């Protein structure tokens, strides 16, 4: 079935060789080059209730083993989270998040040679995670939900992911509305970057995420993926997380294989439209998808460069 969807998708995408700016991102001791190759952020949810893998990695050793497996499969970053952000989910305390994620990060940081990010909106969770070895903060609240978090990120001089979301996970899917979803998300992210800079966070350490599934309808999600290149004007790397989201299920059906096929189609489209990083559950499949997509994208760029040089 996967062989049906992916070539059709690739053949229908308009390929602009100037879509993606190259960035150098320092993440603690790790230097990442974003642009020539689409990087993969592997999802590690240490939660009982995440929409895709809730409860699978609550045991510390299971979580550590899965993090190592994601790295072996080709992840460039491991994103560790201890609180579900699925629609209508209830928040958990900082203490519970810390209990879930810190022991896992401590072990992974000593075993892996790739950056670890902490997926949290809470400053105290981020502080403890950074102390344990995380080197990126992934904040779905874009520094709005905890007034202390921006100062912590600035003090630690670590990269931060700023994501668009309407309200909170508990409220975001209650009749989301936009007049122009791409423009409104772009404006929100520009304001988030300015807020980060005002707190002392270097723009060179800022990443934006349009927040697929976070206060969006199916059509909103599709429009954001198709219009992703508009976010290039922000001048920072773009991360996107379409993996196994409900819009895929609504379009293709509920079974796991169809959700993963849809994920790979969305990953391919996002990469062609300008995403620098994709956040996914299935790293191995995504690596294969991106190997082809990046080869196509880079071949187009090479052809255009050759034509430009020969004129």
Protein backbone atom coordinates (compact mmCIF):
# COMPACT_ATOMS: atom_id res chain seq x y z
CA UNK A 1 0.00 0.00 0.00
CA UNK A 2 2.88 2.36 0.79
CA UNK A 3 4.14 1.99 -2.78
CA UNK A 4 0.86 3.50 -4.02
CA UNK A 5 0.81 6.64 -1.93
CA UNK A 6 4.40 7.92 -1.84
CA UNK A 7 5.25 8.18 -5.58
CA UNK A 8 1.89 9.85 -6.26
CA UNK A 9 2.60 12.35 -3.50
CA UNK A 10 6.11 13.14 -4.70
CA UNK A 11 5.02 13.57 -8.30
CA UNK A 12 2.35 16.09 -7.28
CA UNK A 13 4.54 18.39 -5.16
CA UNK A 14 5.93 21.57 -6.70
CA UNK A 15 9.65 21.46 -6.01
CA UNK A 16 11.25 24.79 -5.28
CA UNK A 17 15.05 24.37 -4.90
CA UNK A 18 15.27 27.55 -2.82
CA UNK A 19 12.76 26.42 -0.21
CA UNK A 20 15.05 25.56 2.67
CA UNK A 21 17.69 27.78 4.27
CA UNK A 22 20.67 26.04 5.87
CA UNK A 23 21.20 26.59 9.61
CA UNK A 24 23.90 25.53 12.05
CA UNK A 25 22.47 24.71 15.48
CA UNK A 26 24.63 24.16 18.55
CA UNK A 27 22.97 21.80 21.04
CA UNK A 28 25.32 21.47 23.97
CA UNK A 29 28.30 19.49 22.65
CA UNK A 30 26.46 18.59 19.44
CA UNK A 31 26.50 20.66 16.25
CA UNK A 32 23.59 20.02 13.88
CA UNK A 33 23.44 21.17 10.26
CA UNK A 34 19.83 21.73 9.23
CA UNK A 35 18.93 22.00 5.58
CA UNK A 36 20.93 19.72 3.26
CA UNK A 37 19.33 16.70 4.94
CA UNK A 38 16.01 16.62 6.79
CA UNK A 39 16.73 15.69 10.40
CA UNK A 40 14.64 13.23 12.41
CA UNK A 41 13.44 13.79 15.96
CA UNK A 42 12.41 10.47 17.48
CA UNK A 43 9.47 10.51 19.91
CA UNK A 44 9.93 8.90 23.33
CA UNK A 45 6.78 9.31 25.43
CA UNK A 46 7.17 8.22 29.04
CA UNK A 47 3.43 8.53 29.64
CA UNK A 48 0.43 6.28 30.29
CA UNK A 49 -1.94 8.15 27.97
CA UNK A 50 -0.24 9.54 24.85
CA UNK A 51 -2.41 8.99 21.77
CA UNK A 52 -0.04 6.64 19.91
CA UNK A 53 2.29 4.95 22.39
CA UNK A 54 0.86 5.74 25.81
CA UNK A 55 1.90 3.19 28.43
CA UNK A 56 4.44 1.38 26.27
CA UNK A 57 7.52 2.97 27.84
CA UNK A 58 6.49 3.84 31.40
CA UNK A 59 9.10 1.45 32.79
CA UNK A 60 12.46 3.22 32.87
CA UNK A 61 14.42 0.39 31.27
CA UNK A 62 11.83 -0.02 28.51
CA UNK A 63 12.04 3.70 27.83
CA UNK A 64 15.83 3.71 27.75
CA UNK A 65 15.88 0.69 25.45
CA UNK A 66 13.43 2.38 23.10
CA UNK A 67 15.49 5.58 23.08
CA UNK A 68 18.56 3.57 22.12
CA UNK A 69 16.57 1.78 19.40
CA UNK A 70 15.44 5.14 17.98
CA UNK A 71 19.07 6.28 17.85
CA UNK A 72 20.17 3.07 16.11
CA UNK A 73 17.35 3.50 13.59
CA UNK A 74 18.73 6.89 12.58
CA UNK A 75 17.23 9.53 14.86
CA UNK A 76 19.21 12.78 15.01
CA UNK A 77 17.46 13.93 18.21
CA UNK A 78 15.52 12.05 20.89
CA UNK A 79 12.54 13.97 22.30
CA UNK A 80 11.54 12.78 25.78
CA UNK A 81 8.15 13.76 27.19
CA UNK A 82 6.37 12.93 30.43
CA UNK A 83 2.97 14.55 29.88
CA UNK A 84 0.46 13.71 27.17
CA UNK A 85 -0.58 16.58 24.92
CA UNK A 86 -3.30 14.68 23.08
CA UNK A 87 -6.59 16.58 22.64
CA UNK A 88 -8.63 16.93 25.87
CA UNK A 89 -5.83 15.50 28.02
CA UNK A 90 -5.48 16.50 31.67
CA UNK A 91 -2.23 18.11 32.88
CA UNK A 92 0.08 16.35 35.33
CA UNK A 93 2.20 17.88 38.06
CA UNK A 94 5.80 18.93 37.54
CA UNK A 95 6.83 16.39 40.18
CA UNK A 96 5.22 13.55 38.23
CA UNK A 97 6.77 14.68 34.95
CA UNK A 98 10.19 14.84 36.60
CA UNK A 99 9.73 11.38 38.08
CA UNK A 100 8.96 9.99 34.64
CA UNK A 101 11.56 11.69 32.46
CA UNK A 102 14.68 12.53 34.49
CA UNK A 103 15.90 8.96 35.15
CA UNK A 104 15.41 8.13 31.46
CA UNK A 105 17.29 11.22 30.28
CA UNK A 106 20.14 10.57 32.73
CA UNK A 107 20.68 7.09 31.33
CA UNK A 108 20.26 8.03 27.68
CA UNK A 109 22.59 11.03 27.96
CA UNK A 110 25.35 8.72 29.12
CA UNK A 111 24.78 6.22 26.31
CA UNK A 112 23.87 8.23 23.20
CA UNK A 113 25.95 10.52 20.99
CA UNK A 114 22.99 12.58 19.75
CA UNK A 115 21.10 15.46 21.41
CA UNK A 116 18.19 14.83 23.77
CA UNK A 117 15.32 17.30 24.02
CA UNK A 118 12.82 17.67 26.83
CA UNK A 119 9.21 18.01 25.72
CA UNK A 120 7.67 20.12 28.47
CA UNK A 121 5.97 23.44 29.14
CA UNK A 122 7.17 23.62 32.74
CA UNK A 123 10.35 25.42 33.78
CA UNK A 124 11.13 23.10 36.71
CA UNK A 125 10.79 20.00 34.52
CA UNK A 126 13.02 21.59 31.87
CA UNK A 127 15.57 22.59 34.54
CA UNK A 128 15.82 19.08 35.92
CA UNK A 129 15.94 17.57 32.42
CA UNK A 130 18.75 19.92 31.35
CA UNK A 131 20.65 19.03 34.52
CA UNK A 132 20.20 15.36 33.59
CA UNK A 133 21.68 15.82 30.11
CA UNK A 134 18.99 17.22 27.80
CA UNK A 135 20.25 20.04 25.55
CA UNK A 136 17.04 21.26 23.81
CA UNK A 137 13.71 22.46 25.22
CA UNK A 138 10.63 21.57 23.14
CA UNK A 139 7.79 23.80 24.39
CA UNK A 140 4.33 23.29 22.91
CA UNK A 141 3.28 26.42 24.80
CA UNK A 142 5.78 28.71 23.01
CA UNK A 143 6.93 30.19 26.36
CA UNK A 144 3.36 31.26 27.28
CA UNK A 145 2.40 28.67 29.88
CA UNK A 146 5.20 29.10 32.43
CA UNK A 147 6.63 32.62 32.91
CA UNK A 148 9.92 31.24 34.22
CA UNK A 149 10.73 29.01 31.25
CA UNK A 150 12.00 31.71 28.88
CA UNK A 151 14.55 32.94 31.42
CA UNK A 152 15.75 29.39 32.04
CA UNK A 153 16.28 28.77 28.31
CA UNK A 154 18.16 32.07 28.01
CA UNK A 155 20.36 31.33 31.04
CA UNK A 156 21.21 27.83 29.81
CA UNK A 157 21.74 29.07 26.23
CA UNK A 158 20.02 26.02 24.74
CA UNK A 159 17.84 25.78 21.62
CA UNK A 160 14.09 26.03 22.10
CA UNK A 161 11.21 24.83 19.93
CA UNK A 162 8.29 27.28 19.89
CA UNK A 163 5.04 25.64 18.79
CA UNK A 164 1.70 27.09 17.77
CA UNK A 165 -1.30 25.90 19.76
CA UNK A 166 -4.78 27.30 20.36
CA UNK A 167 -5.36 27.37 24.12
CA UNK A 168 -4.24 24.23 25.93
CA UNK A 169 -4.42 20.51 25.03
CA UNK A 170 -7.63 20.30 27.06
CA UNK A 171 -9.35 23.05 25.02
CA UNK A 172 -7.52 23.30 21.67
CA UNK A 173 -9.88 21.09 19.64
CA UNK A 174 -13.08 22.86 20.69
CA UNK A 175 -14.16 24.28 17.33
CA UNK A 176 -10.82 25.77 16.14
CA UNK A 177 -11.27 28.64 13.67
CA UNK A 178 -8.93 30.72 11.48
CA UNK A 179 -9.57 33.22 8.72
CA UNK A 180 -6.20 32.29 7.17
CA UNK A 181 -4.48 29.50 9.08
CA UNK A 182 -1.04 29.84 7.45
CA UNK A 183 -0.84 33.60 7.98
CA UNK A 184 -2.19 33.43 11.53
CA UNK A 185 0.19 30.65 12.56
CA UNK A 186 3.10 32.52 10.98
CA UNK A 187 2.17 35.72 12.87
CA UNK A 188 1.85 33.79 16.13
CA UNK A 189 5.29 32.24 15.66
CA UNK A 190 6.85 35.61 14.79
CA UNK A 191 5.44 37.00 18.05
CA UNK A 192 6.78 33.96 19.91
CA UNK A 193 10.26 34.54 18.48
CA UNK A 194 10.10 38.20 19.51
CA UNK A 195 9.00 37.17 23.01
CA UNK A 196 11.92 34.77 23.21
CA UNK A 197 14.38 37.42 22.05
CA UNK A 198 13.00 39.88 24.61
CA UNK A 199 13.78 37.27 27.29
CA UNK A 200 17.38 37.00 26.06
CA UNK A 201 17.12 33.92 23.86
CA UNK A 202 19.32 34.14 20.77
CA UNK A 203 17.25 33.89 17.57
CA UNK A 204 19.92 31.50 16.26
CA UNK A 205 18.79 29.02 18.92
CA UNK A 206 15.09 29.23 18.07
CA UNK A 207 13.09 26.63 16.11
CA UNK A 208 9.42 26.99 15.15
CA UNK A 209 6.71 24.35 14.86
CA UNK A 210 3.28 25.07 13.27
CA UNK A 211 1.64 22.62 15.67
CA UNK A 212 -0.05 20.05 13.47
CA UNK A 213 -3.11 18.77 15.34
CA UNK A 214 -2.92 21.39 18.08
CA UNK A 215 -6.13 23.34 17.59
CA UNK A 216 -6.62 22.55 13.89
CA UNK A 217 -9.17 20.80 11.72
CA UNK A 218 -8.16 18.30 9.03
CA UNK A 219 -8.12 21.07 6.43
CA UNK A 220 -6.10 23.39 8.68
CA UNK A 221 -3.42 20.69 9.00
CA UNK A 222 -3.35 20.09 5.25
CA UNK A 223 -3.09 23.82 4.53
CA UNK A 224 -0.21 24.22 6.99
CA UNK A 225 1.77 21.40 5.39
CA UNK A 226 1.09 22.73 1.88
CA UNK A 227 1.93 26.29 2.97
CA UNK A 228 4.94 25.43 5.10
CA UNK A 229 7.33 27.39 2.90
CA UNK A 230 5.69 30.61 4.13
CA UNK A 231 7.38 30.05 7.50
CA UNK A 232 10.79 30.41 5.83
CA UNK A 233 10.33 34.16 6.15
CA UNK A 234 10.77 33.81 9.92
CA UNK A 235 14.46 33.09 9.36
CA UNK A 236 14.68 30.14 11.76
CA UNK A 237 14.57 26.33 11.35
CA UNK A 238 11.17 24.67 10.96
CA UNK A 239 10.13 21.53 12.83
CA UNK A 240 6.90 19.68 12.13
CA UNK A 241 5.22 16.75 13.87
CA UNK A 242 2.55 15.04 11.74
CA UNK A 243 3.27 11.55 13.04
CA UNK A 244 0.13 9.40 13.41
CA UNK A 245 -2.07 12.44 14.04
CA UNK A 246 -5.84 12.12 13.85
CA UNK A 247 -6.14 13.99 10.53
CA UNK A 248 -4.39 11.04 8.89
CA UNK A 249 -6.83 8.60 10.45
CA UNK A 250 -9.77 10.72 9.29
CA UNK A 251 -8.48 10.69 5.72
CA UNK A 252 -7.16 7.13 5.39
CA UNK A 253 -8.79 5.07 8.13
CA UNK A 254 -8.02 4.01 11.71
CA UNK A 255 -5.69 1.03 11.40
CA UNK A 256 -2.05 1.44 12.40
CA UNK A 257 -0.59 0.67 8.97
CA UNK A 258 -2.68 3.33 7.25
CA UNK A 259 -1.74 5.87 9.93
CA UNK A 260 1.93 5.14 9.29
CA UNK A 261 1.52 5.33 5.51
CA UNK A 262 -0.17 8.68 5.98
CA UNK A 263 2.61 9.79 8.30
CA UNK A 264 5.23 9.05 5.66
CA UNK A 265 3.23 10.93 3.02
CA UNK A 266 2.98 13.94 5.35
CA UNK A 267 6.69 13.71 6.17
CA UNK A 268 7.56 13.70 2.46
CA UNK A 269 5.32 16.69 1.77
CA UNK A 270 6.69 18.61 4.76
CA UNK A 271 10.28 17.98 3.73
CA UNK A 272 9.62 19.12 0.18
CA UNK A 273 7.87 22.25 1.43
CA UNK A 274 10.66 23.34 3.76
CA UNK A 275 10.73 21.43 7.06
CA UNK A 276 14.20 21.08 8.56
CA UNK A 277 13.21 18.55 11.24
CA UNK A 278 10.37 16.02 11.39
CA UNK A 279 9.19 14.61 14.71
CA UNK A 280 8.06 10.98 14.32
CA UNK A 281 7.45 7.69 16.09
CA UNK A 282 8.75 5.35 13.35
CA UNK A 283 12.31 6.54 12.75
CA UNK A 284 13.35 3.67 10.48
CA UNK A 285 10.57 4.20 7.95
CA UNK A 286 11.04 7.95 8.09
CA UNK A 287 14.76 7.64 7.39
CA UNK A 288 13.98 5.69 4.21
CA UNK A 289 11.31 8.19 3.13
CA UNK A 290 13.63 11.14 3.68
CA UNK A 291 16.56 9.47 1.95
CA UNK A 292 14.50 9.51 -1.24
CA UNK A 293 12.90 12.93 -0.68
CA UNK A 294 16.20 14.63 0.13
CA UNK A 295 17.85 13.00 -2.89
CA UNK A 296 15.10 14.37 -5.15
CA UNK A 297 15.24 17.80 -3.54
CA UNK A 298 19.03 18.00 -3.66
CA UNK A 299 19.16 16.79 -7.27
CA UNK A 300 16.86 19.63 -8.28
CA UNK A 301 19.04 22.08 -6.39
CA UNK A 302 22.18 20.73 -8.08
CA UNK A 303 20.60 21.02 -11.53
CA UNK A 304 19.56 24.63 -10.88
CA UNK A 305 23.01 25.50 -9.54
CA UNK A 306 24.65 23.98 -12.62
CA UNK A 307 22.37 25.96 -14.92
CA UNK A 308 23.11 29.15 -12.97
CA UNK A 309 26.86 28.57 -13.17
CA UNK A 310 26.82 27.83 -16.89
CA UNK A 311 24.94 31.03 -17.85
